Amino acid sequence: GFQSRPQPADPVLFRPARREAFTLGRLLVVPSRAEAMPYVVLEALAAGLPMIATRVGGIPEVLGADSTALATPDATSIAEKMVGAMREPDWLRAALPSRQTLEQSFSAQTMAREIEKVYVDVLTY
């Protein structure tokens, strides 16, 4: 009943990301039709998991606008990229940003600093 459901005053536990879960797969496919900034993309890249993702929202910003790991959001394009990635895994790894690039552009500190800049710009406009 109602009493057994979590209440607003109950603590919420945020567990750390489980990077080891990403080591269980050979390829991550993000077939989104709409996204803002999917953290699964950042988390998989940080764990070294190759991926194919659709060219929507903030994904091209992470992978690079010209990355061959990007697919149009349709089944045929995604399937073609998946087949190519399974046949030539090194091709896909080369299409993804380096760990150094990822850390420079999308670390928690960098993202917090960029968000703070937006707030300052808006508040001082």
N, C-alpha and C. Protein backbone atom coordinates (compact mmCIF):
# COMPACT_ATOMS: atom_id res chain seq x y z
N GLY A 1 0.79 -1.18 0.00
CA GLY A 1 0.00 0.00 0.00
C GLY A 1 0.84 1.26 0.00
N PHE A 2 0.19 2.34 0.31
CA PHE A 2 0.83 3.65 0.27
C PHE A 2 1.99 3.74 1.25
N GLN A 3 1.86 3.13 2.41
CA GLN A 3 2.90 3.23 3.44
C GLN A 3 4.20 2.55 3.02
N SER A 4 4.15 1.55 2.14
CA SER A 4 5.37 0.85 1.74
C SER A 4 6.10 1.54 0.58
N ARG A 5 5.48 2.54 0.00
CA ARG A 5 6.12 3.28 -1.09
C ARG A 5 7.13 4.27 -0.53
N PRO A 6 8.19 4.56 -1.29
CA PRO A 6 9.14 5.58 -0.81
C PRO A 6 8.45 6.92 -0.61
N GLN A 7 8.81 7.59 0.44
CA GLN A 7 8.25 8.89 0.75
C GLN A 7 9.26 9.97 0.40
N PRO A 8 8.81 11.21 0.17
CA PRO A 8 9.74 12.28 -0.18
C PRO A 8 10.88 12.48 0.81
N ALA A 9 10.67 12.17 2.08
CA ALA A 9 11.71 12.37 3.09
C ALA A 9 12.71 11.21 3.13
N ASP A 10 12.41 10.10 2.44
CA ASP A 10 13.33 8.97 2.43
C ASP A 10 14.61 9.34 1.68
N PRO A 11 15.76 8.86 2.14
CA PRO A 11 17.01 9.17 1.45
C PRO A 11 17.08 8.49 0.08
N VAL A 12 17.67 9.17 -0.86
CA VAL A 12 17.90 8.61 -2.19
C VAL A 12 19.38 8.31 -2.29
N LEU A 13 19.70 7.08 -2.62
CA LEU A 13 21.10 6.69 -2.73
C LEU A 13 21.54 6.75 -4.19
N PHE A 14 22.59 7.48 -4.46
CA PHE A 14 23.16 7.54 -5.80
C PHE A 14 24.40 6.67 -5.81
N ARG A 15 24.31 5.56 -6.46
CA ARG A 15 25.42 4.62 -6.52
C ARG A 15 26.41 5.06 -7.60
N PRO A 16 27.67 4.70 -7.44
CA PRO A 16 28.65 5.07 -8.46
C PRO A 16 28.38 4.32 -9.77
N ALA A 17 28.84 4.91 -10.87
CA ALA A 17 28.67 4.26 -12.18
C ALA A 17 29.37 2.90 -12.15
N ARG A 18 28.82 1.97 -12.87
CA ARG A 18 29.38 0.63 -12.91
C ARG A 18 30.12 0.43 -14.23
N ARG A 19 31.33 0.96 -14.31
CA ARG A 19 32.11 0.86 -15.55
C ARG A 19 32.31 -0.58 -15.99
N GLU A 20 32.43 -1.48 -15.01
CA GLU A 20 32.68 -2.86 -15.39
C GLU A 20 31.54 -3.45 -16.21
N ALA A 21 30.34 -2.91 -16.09
CA ALA A 21 29.22 -3.38 -16.90
C ALA A 21 29.49 -3.14 -18.38
N PHE A 22 30.19 -2.05 -18.70
CA PHE A 22 30.49 -1.76 -20.10
C PHE A 22 31.48 -2.75 -20.69
N THR A 23 32.29 -3.41 -19.85
CA THR A 23 33.27 -4.36 -20.37
C THR A 23 32.62 -5.66 -20.82
N LEU A 24 31.36 -5.84 -20.50
CA LEU A 24 30.66 -7.07 -20.89
C LEU A 24 30.21 -7.05 -22.35
N GLY A 25 30.17 -5.87 -22.95
CA GLY A 25 29.70 -5.76 -24.33
C GLY A 25 30.84 -5.50 -25.30
N ARG A 26 30.58 -5.74 -26.57
CA ARG A 26 31.56 -5.45 -27.62
C ARG A 26 31.25 -4.14 -28.32
N LEU A 27 29.99 -3.71 -28.21
CA LEU A 27 29.55 -2.54 -28.97
C LEU A 27 28.32 -1.96 -28.30
N LEU A 28 28.28 -0.64 -28.16
CA LEU A 28 27.08 0.04 -27.67
C LEU A 28 26.40 0.68 -28.86
N VAL A 29 25.11 0.50 -28.97
CA VAL A 29 24.32 1.14 -30.02
C VAL A 29 23.32 2.06 -29.34
N VAL A 30 23.35 3.34 -29.71
CA VAL A 30 22.44 4.34 -29.16
C VAL A 30 21.54 4.78 -30.32
N PRO A 31 20.37 4.12 -30.49
CA PRO A 31 19.52 4.37 -31.65
C PRO A 31 18.47 5.46 -31.45
N SER A 32 18.81 6.47 -30.69
CA SER A 32 17.84 7.51 -30.32
C SER A 32 17.35 8.31 -31.52
N ARG A 33 16.10 8.71 -31.45
CA ARG A 33 15.53 9.64 -32.44
C ARG A 33 15.62 11.07 -31.94
N ALA A 34 15.73 11.23 -30.64
CA ALA A 34 15.87 12.56 -30.02
C ALA A 34 16.64 12.38 -28.72
N GLU A 35 17.56 13.28 -28.46
CA GLU A 35 18.37 13.25 -27.25
C GLU A 35 18.80 14.66 -26.93
N ALA A 36 19.16 14.87 -25.70
CA ALA A 36 19.84 16.11 -25.32
C ALA A 36 21.32 15.74 -25.24
N MET A 37 21.76 15.35 -24.07
CA MET A 37 23.14 14.90 -23.88
C MET A 37 23.09 13.58 -23.12
N PRO A 38 23.09 12.46 -23.81
CA PRO A 38 22.96 11.17 -23.13
C PRO A 38 24.25 10.78 -22.41
N TYR A 39 24.17 10.64 -21.11
CA TYR A 39 25.34 10.30 -20.32
C TYR A 39 25.87 8.91 -20.65
N VAL A 40 25.02 8.03 -21.16
CA VAL A 40 25.50 6.69 -21.50
C VAL A 40 26.60 6.77 -22.55
N VAL A 41 26.53 7.76 -23.44
CA VAL A 41 27.57 7.94 -24.46
C VAL A 41 28.89 8.30 -23.77
N LEU A 42 28.86 9.26 -22.87
CA LEU A 42 30.07 9.66 -22.15
C LEU A 42 30.62 8.51 -21.29
N GLU A 43 29.73 7.80 -20.62
CA GLU A 43 30.16 6.71 -19.74
C GLU A 43 30.80 5.58 -20.54
N ALA A 44 30.20 5.23 -21.68
CA ALA A 44 30.74 4.16 -22.50
C ALA A 44 32.10 4.54 -23.07
N LEU A 45 32.22 5.78 -23.54
CA LEU A 45 33.52 6.24 -24.06
C LEU A 45 34.58 6.22 -22.96
N ALA A 46 34.22 6.66 -21.77
CA ALA A 46 35.17 6.66 -20.65
C ALA A 46 35.63 5.25 -20.31
N ALA A 47 34.75 4.27 -20.53
CA ALA A 47 35.09 2.88 -20.26
C ALA A 47 35.78 2.21 -21.44
N GLY A 48 35.91 2.93 -22.56
CA GLY A 48 36.59 2.37 -23.73
C GLY A 48 35.73 1.48 -24.60
N LEU A 49 34.42 1.56 -24.46
CA LEU A 49 33.52 0.73 -25.26
C LEU A 49 33.20 1.43 -26.58
N PRO A 50 33.46 0.79 -27.71
CA PRO A 50 33.11 1.40 -28.99
C PRO A 50 31.60 1.52 -29.13
N MET A 51 31.17 2.49 -29.93
CA MET A 51 29.73 2.70 -30.07
C MET A 51 29.36 3.23 -31.43
N ILE A 52 28.11 3.05 -31.73
CA ILE A 52 27.45 3.66 -32.87
C ILE A 52 26.28 4.42 -32.27
N ALA A 53 26.07 5.63 -32.73
CA ALA A 53 24.97 6.43 -32.19
C ALA A 53 24.37 7.25 -33.31
N THR A 54 23.12 7.61 -33.12
CA THR A 54 22.46 8.42 -34.13
C THR A 54 22.89 9.87 -34.03
N ARG A 55 22.81 10.54 -35.16
CA ARG A 55 23.22 11.94 -35.28
C ARG A 55 22.07 12.83 -34.80
N VAL A 56 21.85 12.85 -33.48
CA VAL A 56 20.78 13.67 -32.90
C VAL A 56 21.28 14.35 -31.63
N GLY A 57 20.67 15.47 -31.29
CA GLY A 57 20.96 16.17 -30.04
C GLY A 57 22.43 16.45 -29.85
N GLY A 58 22.94 16.18 -28.65
CA GLY A 58 24.32 16.46 -28.31
C GLY A 58 25.30 15.36 -28.67
N ILE A 59 24.82 14.28 -29.27
CA ILE A 59 25.71 13.16 -29.60
C ILE A 59 26.82 13.57 -30.57
N PRO A 60 26.52 14.30 -31.66
CA PRO A 60 27.62 14.72 -32.55
C PRO A 60 28.65 15.61 -31.86
N GLU A 61 28.23 16.36 -30.87
CA GLU A 61 29.17 17.19 -30.11
C GLU A 61 30.18 16.32 -29.37
N VAL A 62 29.73 15.18 -28.88
CA VAL A 62 30.61 14.27 -28.15
C VAL A 62 31.50 13.47 -29.10
N LEU A 63 30.89 12.87 -30.12
CA LEU A 63 31.64 11.99 -31.02
C LEU A 63 32.41 12.74 -32.09
N GLY A 64 32.01 13.98 -32.35
CA GLY A 64 32.60 14.74 -33.45
C GLY A 64 31.61 14.77 -34.60
N ALA A 65 31.36 15.94 -35.14
CA ALA A 65 30.33 16.10 -36.16
C ALA A 65 30.57 15.24 -37.39
N ASP A 66 31.83 14.94 -37.70
CA ASP A 66 32.16 14.15 -38.88
C ASP A 66 32.47 12.69 -38.57
N SER A 67 32.21 12.26 -37.36
CA SER A 67 32.54 10.89 -36.96
C SER A 67 31.77 9.87 -37.79
N THR A 68 32.47 8.86 -38.27
CA THR A 68 31.81 7.78 -39.01
C THR A 68 31.05 6.85 -38.07
N ALA A 69 31.15 7.06 -36.76
CA ALA A 69 30.36 6.29 -35.80
C ALA A 69 28.93 6.80 -35.71
N LEU A 70 28.66 7.93 -36.35
CA LEU A 70 27.30 8.50 -36.33
C LEU A 70 26.47 7.93 -37.47
N ALA A 71 25.23 7.61 -37.15
CA ALA A 71 24.28 7.10 -38.14
C ALA A 71 23.05 8.00 -38.16
N THR A 72 22.37 8.01 -39.29
CA THR A 72 21.09 8.71 -39.31
C THR A 72 20.11 7.87 -38.51
N PRO A 73 19.10 8.49 -37.91
CA PRO A 73 18.20 7.73 -37.04
C PRO A 73 17.18 6.89 -37.82
N ASP A 74 17.69 5.94 -38.60
CA ASP A 74 16.79 4.99 -39.27
C ASP A 74 17.43 3.61 -39.19
N ALA A 75 16.60 2.58 -39.22
CA ALA A 75 17.06 1.21 -38.99
C ALA A 75 18.13 0.76 -39.97
N THR A 76 17.99 1.13 -41.24
CA THR A 76 18.95 0.69 -42.25
C THR A 76 20.34 1.26 -41.98
N SER A 77 20.41 2.55 -41.72
CA SER A 77 21.70 3.20 -41.44
C SER A 77 22.36 2.61 -40.21
N ILE A 78 21.58 2.41 -39.17
CA ILE A 78 22.12 1.85 -37.92
C ILE A 78 22.61 0.42 -38.16
N ALA A 79 21.82 -0.39 -38.87
CA ALA A 79 22.21 -1.78 -39.15
C ALA A 79 23.49 -1.84 -39.97
N GLU A 80 23.63 -0.97 -40.96
CA GLU A 80 24.85 -0.94 -41.78
C GLU A 80 26.07 -0.61 -40.93
N LYS A 81 25.93 0.35 -40.04
CA LYS A 81 27.04 0.71 -39.15
C LYS A 81 27.38 -0.45 -38.20
N MET A 82 26.35 -1.15 -37.71
CA MET A 82 26.58 -2.27 -36.81
C MET A 82 27.35 -3.39 -37.51
N VAL A 83 26.94 -3.71 -38.74
CA VAL A 83 27.63 -4.76 -39.50
C VAL A 83 29.09 -4.35 -39.74
N GLY A 84 29.30 -3.10 -40.16
CA GLY A 84 30.66 -2.62 -40.39
C GLY A 84 31.51 -2.68 -39.13
N ALA A 85 30.93 -2.32 -38.00
CA ALA A 85 31.66 -2.33 -36.74
C ALA A 85 32.03 -3.74 -36.30
N MET A 86 31.15 -4.69 -36.53
CA MET A 86 31.45 -6.07 -36.15
C MET A 86 32.50 -6.68 -37.07
N ARG A 87 32.49 -6.27 -38.33
CA ARG A 87 33.48 -6.78 -39.28
C ARG A 87 34.86 -6.17 -39.05
N GLU A 88 34.88 -4.87 -38.73
CA GLU A 88 36.14 -4.15 -38.56
C GLU A 88 36.11 -3.31 -37.28
N PRO A 89 36.31 -3.94 -36.13
CA PRO A 89 36.24 -3.21 -34.86
C PRO A 89 37.24 -2.05 -34.77
N ASP A 90 38.39 -2.19 -35.40
CA ASP A 90 39.40 -1.13 -35.33
C ASP A 90 38.93 0.14 -36.03
N TRP A 91 38.13 -0.01 -37.10
CA TRP A 91 37.58 1.15 -37.81
C TRP A 91 36.74 1.98 -36.84
N LEU A 92 35.92 1.33 -36.06
CA LEU A 92 35.04 2.07 -35.16
C LEU A 92 35.83 2.73 -34.04
N ARG A 93 36.79 2.03 -33.49
CA ARG A 93 37.60 2.63 -32.41
C ARG A 93 38.30 3.89 -32.90
N ALA A 94 38.77 3.88 -34.14
CA ALA A 94 39.46 5.05 -34.70
C ALA A 94 38.49 6.21 -34.94
N ALA A 95 37.20 5.92 -35.06
CA ALA A 95 36.20 6.95 -35.33
C ALA A 95 35.76 7.69 -34.08
N LEU A 96 36.18 7.23 -32.92
CA LEU A 96 35.72 7.81 -31.65
C LEU A 96 36.77 8.76 -31.08
N PRO A 97 36.33 9.72 -30.27
CA PRO A 97 37.29 10.67 -29.68
C PRO A 97 38.24 9.97 -28.72
N SER A 98 39.42 10.51 -28.59
CA SER A 98 40.41 9.95 -27.66
C SER A 98 39.96 10.20 -26.23
N ARG A 99 40.51 9.44 -25.33
CA ARG A 99 40.19 9.62 -23.91
C ARG A 99 40.61 11.02 -23.45
N GLN A 100 41.74 11.51 -23.96
CA GLN A 100 42.21 12.84 -23.59
C GLN A 100 41.22 13.91 -24.05
N THR A 101 40.73 13.80 -25.27
CA THR A 101 39.74 14.75 -25.78
C THR A 101 38.47 14.69 -24.93
N LEU A 102 38.04 13.50 -24.62
CA LEU A 102 36.84 13.31 -23.80
C LEU A 102 37.02 13.98 -22.44
N GLU A 103 38.15 13.75 -21.80
CA GLU A 103 38.38 14.32 -20.47
C GLU A 103 38.48 15.85 -20.52
N GLN A 104 39.10 16.39 -21.57
CA GLN A 104 39.24 17.84 -21.68
C GLN A 104 37.89 18.52 -21.92
N SER A 105 37.04 17.89 -22.71
CA SER A 105 35.79 18.53 -23.10
C SER A 105 34.60 18.20 -22.20
N PHE A 106 34.60 17.02 -21.60
CA PHE A 106 33.39 16.57 -20.91
C PHE A 106 33.62 16.09 -19.48
N SER A 107 34.70 16.50 -18.84
CA SER A 107 34.87 16.15 -17.44
C SER A 107 33.80 16.87 -16.62
N ALA A 108 33.56 16.40 -15.42
CA ALA A 108 32.56 17.05 -14.57
C ALA A 108 32.94 18.51 -14.32
N GLN A 109 34.24 18.76 -14.13
CA GLN A 109 34.69 20.13 -13.87
C GLN A 109 34.45 21.03 -15.08
N THR A 110 34.78 20.53 -16.27
CA THR A 110 34.59 21.32 -17.49
C THR A 110 33.11 21.61 -17.71
N MET A 111 32.28 20.59 -17.56
CA MET A 111 30.85 20.79 -17.79
C MET A 111 30.26 21.75 -16.76
N ALA A 112 30.68 21.65 -15.50
CA ALA A 112 30.19 22.58 -14.47
C ALA A 112 30.62 24.01 -14.79
N ARG A 113 31.86 24.18 -15.23
CA ARG A 113 32.36 25.51 -15.59
C ARG A 113 31.56 26.09 -16.76
N GLU A 114 31.25 25.29 -17.76
CA GLU A 114 30.49 25.76 -18.91
C GLU A 114 29.06 26.14 -18.53
N ILE A 115 28.44 25.35 -17.66
CA ILE A 115 27.09 25.66 -17.19
C ILE A 115 27.11 26.95 -16.38
N GLU A 116 28.12 27.11 -15.54
CA GLU A 116 28.25 28.34 -14.75
C GLU A 116 28.38 29.56 -15.66
N LYS A 117 29.13 29.44 -16.75
CA LYS A 117 29.27 30.55 -17.70
C LYS A 117 27.91 30.95 -18.28
N VAL A 118 27.09 29.97 -18.60
CA VAL A 118 25.75 30.26 -19.14
C VAL A 118 24.94 31.03 -18.11
N TYR A 119 24.95 30.57 -16.86
CA TYR A 119 24.21 31.27 -15.81
C TYR A 119 24.70 32.70 -15.64
N VAL A 120 26.01 32.89 -15.62
CA VAL A 120 26.57 34.23 -15.47
C VAL A 120 26.16 35.11 -16.64
N ASP A 121 26.24 34.57 -17.86
CA ASP A 121 25.83 35.34 -19.04
C ASP A 121 24.37 35.76 -18.96
N VAL A 122 23.51 34.84 -18.55
CA VAL A 122 22.08 35.13 -18.47
C VAL A 122 21.81 36.16 -17.36
N LEU A 123 22.44 35.99 -16.23
CA LEU A 123 22.19 36.88 -15.10
C LEU A 123 22.79 38.27 -15.28
N THR A 124 23.79 38.40 -16.12
CA THR A 124 24.41 39.72 -16.33
C THR A 124 24.00 40.34 -17.65
N TYR A 125 23.03 39.76 -18.33
CA TYR A 125 22.58 40.28 -19.63
C TYR A 125 21.77 41.54 -19.46
